[in-house]
């Protein structure tokens, strides 16, 4: 399940000052361009979901631990 399963993305996009993109758009802009630690989505696929998506996001995330970034 994704954000769009709970919220009307098009309605949110219609509000001025609130910029919303889908995960697919995010992966197209950042993932397959190498902007996320130079790590590409599995098979350069922007339609990944579930565990594959979460593992990828975990791998490319910057996590603060005790004020240090990993």
N, C-alpha and C. Protein backbone atom coordinates (compact mmCIF):
# COMPACT_ATOMS: atom_id res chain seq x y z
N UNK A 1 0.84 -1.18 0.00
CA UNK A 1 0.00 0.00 0.00
C UNK A 1 0.89 1.24 0.00
N UNK A 2 0.39 2.24 -0.62
CA UNK A 2 1.13 3.48 -0.71
C UNK A 2 0.32 4.66 -0.20
N UNK A 3 0.97 5.80 -0.18
CA UNK A 3 0.36 7.05 0.26
C UNK A 3 -0.94 7.31 -0.49
N UNK A 4 -0.91 7.02 -1.80
CA UNK A 4 -2.08 7.28 -2.64
C UNK A 4 -3.27 6.38 -2.32
N UNK A 5 -3.02 5.32 -1.54
CA UNK A 5 -4.13 4.47 -1.11
C UNK A 5 -4.93 5.12 0.01
N UNK A 6 -4.34 6.11 0.65
CA UNK A 6 -5.00 6.77 1.77
C UNK A 6 -5.38 8.23 1.49
N UNK A 7 -4.67 8.85 0.54
CA UNK A 7 -4.89 10.26 0.26
C UNK A 7 -5.11 10.48 -1.22
N UNK A 8 -5.89 11.49 -1.55
CA UNK A 8 -6.16 11.88 -2.93
C UNK A 8 -5.00 12.74 -3.41
N UNK A 9 -4.05 12.14 -4.11
CA UNK A 9 -2.84 12.83 -4.56
C UNK A 9 -3.19 14.03 -5.43
N UNK A 10 -4.12 13.87 -6.35
CA UNK A 10 -4.48 14.97 -7.25
C UNK A 10 -5.05 16.14 -6.46
N UNK A 11 -5.84 15.87 -5.44
CA UNK A 11 -6.38 16.94 -4.61
C UNK A 11 -5.25 17.64 -3.86
N UNK A 12 -4.33 16.88 -3.32
CA UNK A 12 -3.19 17.48 -2.62
C UNK A 12 -2.34 18.33 -3.57
N UNK A 13 -2.14 17.85 -4.79
CA UNK A 13 -1.36 18.60 -5.78
C UNK A 13 -2.03 19.93 -6.14
N UNK A 14 -3.34 19.99 -5.99
CA UNK A 14 -4.07 21.20 -6.38
C UNK A 14 -3.90 22.35 -5.39
N UNK A 15 -3.39 22.09 -4.21
CA UNK A 15 -3.20 23.14 -3.20
C UNK A 15 -1.91 23.90 -3.46
N UNK A 16 -2.03 25.23 -3.51
CA UNK A 16 -0.85 26.07 -3.72
C UNK A 16 0.12 25.90 -2.56
N UNK A 17 1.39 25.83 -2.89
CA UNK A 17 2.42 25.76 -1.86
C UNK A 17 2.70 24.36 -1.34
N UNK A 18 1.91 23.38 -1.75
CA UNK A 18 2.14 22.01 -1.32
C UNK A 18 2.56 21.20 -2.54
N UNK A 19 3.82 20.84 -2.57
CA UNK A 19 4.35 20.08 -3.71
C UNK A 19 4.36 18.60 -3.36
N UNK A 20 3.65 17.82 -4.15
CA UNK A 20 3.53 16.38 -3.91
C UNK A 20 3.91 15.65 -5.19
N UNK A 21 4.74 14.61 -5.05
CA UNK A 21 5.05 13.74 -6.18
C UNK A 21 4.85 12.30 -5.73
N UNK A 22 4.66 11.43 -6.68
CA UNK A 22 4.50 10.02 -6.36
C UNK A 22 5.88 9.39 -6.14
N UNK A 23 5.90 8.19 -5.59
CA UNK A 23 7.17 7.48 -5.42
C UNK A 23 7.79 7.21 -6.78
N UNK A 24 6.97 6.88 -7.77
CA UNK A 24 7.47 6.65 -9.12
C UNK A 24 8.18 7.90 -9.65
N UNK A 25 7.57 9.07 -9.47
CA UNK A 25 8.18 10.32 -9.90
C UNK A 25 9.49 10.58 -9.14
N UNK A 26 9.49 10.30 -7.85
CA UNK A 26 10.69 10.48 -7.04
C UNK A 26 11.81 9.58 -7.55
N UNK A 27 11.49 8.32 -7.82
CA UNK A 27 12.51 7.39 -8.31
C UNK A 27 13.00 7.80 -9.69
N UNK A 28 12.12 8.35 -10.52
CA UNK A 28 12.53 8.82 -11.85
C UNK A 28 13.47 10.02 -11.72
N UNK A 29 13.17 10.92 -10.81
CA UNK A 29 13.98 12.14 -10.64
C UNK A 29 15.29 11.88 -9.90
N UNK A 30 15.23 11.05 -8.90
CA UNK A 30 16.39 10.88 -8.03
C UNK A 30 17.06 9.51 -8.13
N UNK A 31 16.27 8.45 -8.21
CA UNK A 31 16.82 7.10 -8.19
C UNK A 31 17.58 6.73 -9.45
N UNK A 32 16.91 6.84 -10.60
CA UNK A 32 17.57 6.38 -11.83
C UNK A 32 18.56 7.40 -12.38
N UNK A 33 18.66 8.55 -11.74
CA UNK A 33 19.67 9.54 -12.13
C UNK A 33 20.93 9.38 -11.29
N UNK A 34 20.88 8.48 -10.30
CA UNK A 34 22.06 8.25 -9.46
C UNK A 34 22.21 9.24 -8.33
N UNK A 35 21.20 10.06 -8.09
CA UNK A 35 21.28 11.08 -7.05
C UNK A 35 21.15 10.53 -5.63
N UNK A 36 20.85 9.25 -5.48
CA UNK A 36 20.69 8.67 -4.15
C UNK A 36 21.91 7.80 -3.85
N UNK A 37 22.96 8.46 -3.40
CA UNK A 37 24.23 7.79 -3.06
C UNK A 37 24.82 7.04 -4.25
N UNK A 38 24.41 7.37 -5.46
CA UNK A 38 24.91 6.68 -6.64
C UNK A 38 24.38 5.27 -6.79
N UNK A 39 23.37 4.94 -6.01
CA UNK A 39 22.79 3.59 -6.03
C UNK A 39 21.46 3.66 -6.80
N UNK A 40 21.33 2.80 -7.78
CA UNK A 40 20.15 2.80 -8.62
C UNK A 40 19.10 1.81 -8.11
N UNK A 41 17.82 2.07 -8.38
CA UNK A 41 16.78 1.12 -7.98
C UNK A 41 17.02 -0.24 -8.63
N UNK A 42 16.54 -1.31 -8.03
CA UNK A 42 16.71 -2.64 -8.62
C UNK A 42 16.25 -2.65 -10.08
N UNK A 43 17.15 -3.06 -10.97
CA UNK A 43 16.88 -3.12 -12.41
C UNK A 43 16.46 -1.78 -13.01
N UNK A 44 16.86 -0.67 -12.36
CA UNK A 44 16.44 0.68 -12.78
C UNK A 44 14.93 0.78 -12.94
N UNK A 45 14.21 0.05 -12.12
CA UNK A 45 12.75 -0.01 -12.19
C UNK A 45 12.16 1.05 -11.26
N UNK A 46 11.31 1.90 -11.80
CA UNK A 46 10.66 2.92 -10.97
C UNK A 46 9.29 2.47 -10.47
N UNK A 47 8.91 1.25 -10.78
CA UNK A 47 7.62 0.72 -10.33
C UNK A 47 7.78 -0.30 -9.20
N UNK A 48 8.91 -0.25 -8.49
CA UNK A 48 9.11 -1.22 -7.41
C UNK A 48 8.21 -0.90 -6.23
N UNK A 49 7.81 -1.93 -5.53
CA UNK A 49 6.93 -1.79 -4.37
C UNK A 49 7.36 -2.77 -3.28
N UNK A 50 6.69 -2.69 -2.18
CA UNK A 50 6.87 -3.67 -1.11
C UNK A 50 8.29 -3.73 -0.58
N UNK A 51 8.73 -4.94 -0.25
CA UNK A 51 10.04 -5.13 0.37
C UNK A 51 11.19 -4.64 -0.49
N UNK A 52 11.10 -4.81 -1.81
CA UNK A 52 12.18 -4.33 -2.68
C UNK A 52 12.32 -2.81 -2.56
N UNK A 53 11.19 -2.11 -2.54
CA UNK A 53 11.23 -0.66 -2.41
C UNK A 53 11.79 -0.26 -1.06
N UNK A 54 11.32 -0.87 0.01
CA UNK A 54 11.78 -0.50 1.36
C UNK A 54 13.26 -0.80 1.56
N UNK A 55 13.74 -1.92 1.02
CA UNK A 55 15.17 -2.24 1.13
C UNK A 55 16.00 -1.22 0.37
N UNK A 56 15.54 -0.83 -0.81
CA UNK A 56 16.25 0.18 -1.59
C UNK A 56 16.28 1.51 -0.84
N UNK A 57 15.14 1.96 -0.35
CA UNK A 57 15.09 3.23 0.37
C UNK A 57 15.95 3.20 1.62
N UNK A 58 15.99 2.08 2.29
CA UNK A 58 16.85 1.95 3.47
C UNK A 58 18.32 2.07 3.07
N UNK A 59 18.67 1.49 1.95
CA UNK A 59 20.06 1.50 1.48
C UNK A 59 20.52 2.91 1.09
N UNK A 60 19.62 3.71 0.53
CA UNK A 60 20.01 5.04 0.04
C UNK A 60 19.70 6.17 1.02
N UNK A 61 19.12 5.85 2.16
CA UNK A 61 18.75 6.87 3.13
C UNK A 61 19.95 7.33 3.93
N UNK A 62 19.87 8.57 4.36
CA UNK A 62 20.84 9.12 5.29
C UNK A 62 20.18 9.09 6.65
N UNK A 63 20.83 8.44 7.59
CA UNK A 63 20.25 8.24 8.91
C UNK A 63 21.14 8.90 9.96
N UNK A 64 20.54 9.71 10.82
CA UNK A 64 21.29 10.35 11.89
C UNK A 64 21.27 9.46 13.13
N UNK A 65 22.46 9.15 13.64
CA UNK A 65 22.60 8.36 14.85
C UNK A 65 23.51 9.13 15.78
N UNK A 66 22.97 9.55 16.93
CA UNK A 66 23.75 10.32 17.89
C UNK A 66 24.43 11.52 17.23
N UNK A 67 23.66 12.27 16.44
CA UNK A 67 24.13 13.48 15.74
C UNK A 67 25.19 13.22 14.70
N UNK A 68 25.41 11.98 14.32
CA UNK A 68 26.31 11.66 13.22
C UNK A 68 25.49 11.03 12.12
N UNK A 69 25.88 11.29 10.89
CA UNK A 69 25.12 10.78 9.75
C UNK A 69 25.79 9.53 9.18
N UNK A 70 24.97 8.53 8.88
CA UNK A 70 25.47 7.28 8.32
C UNK A 70 25.08 7.18 6.87
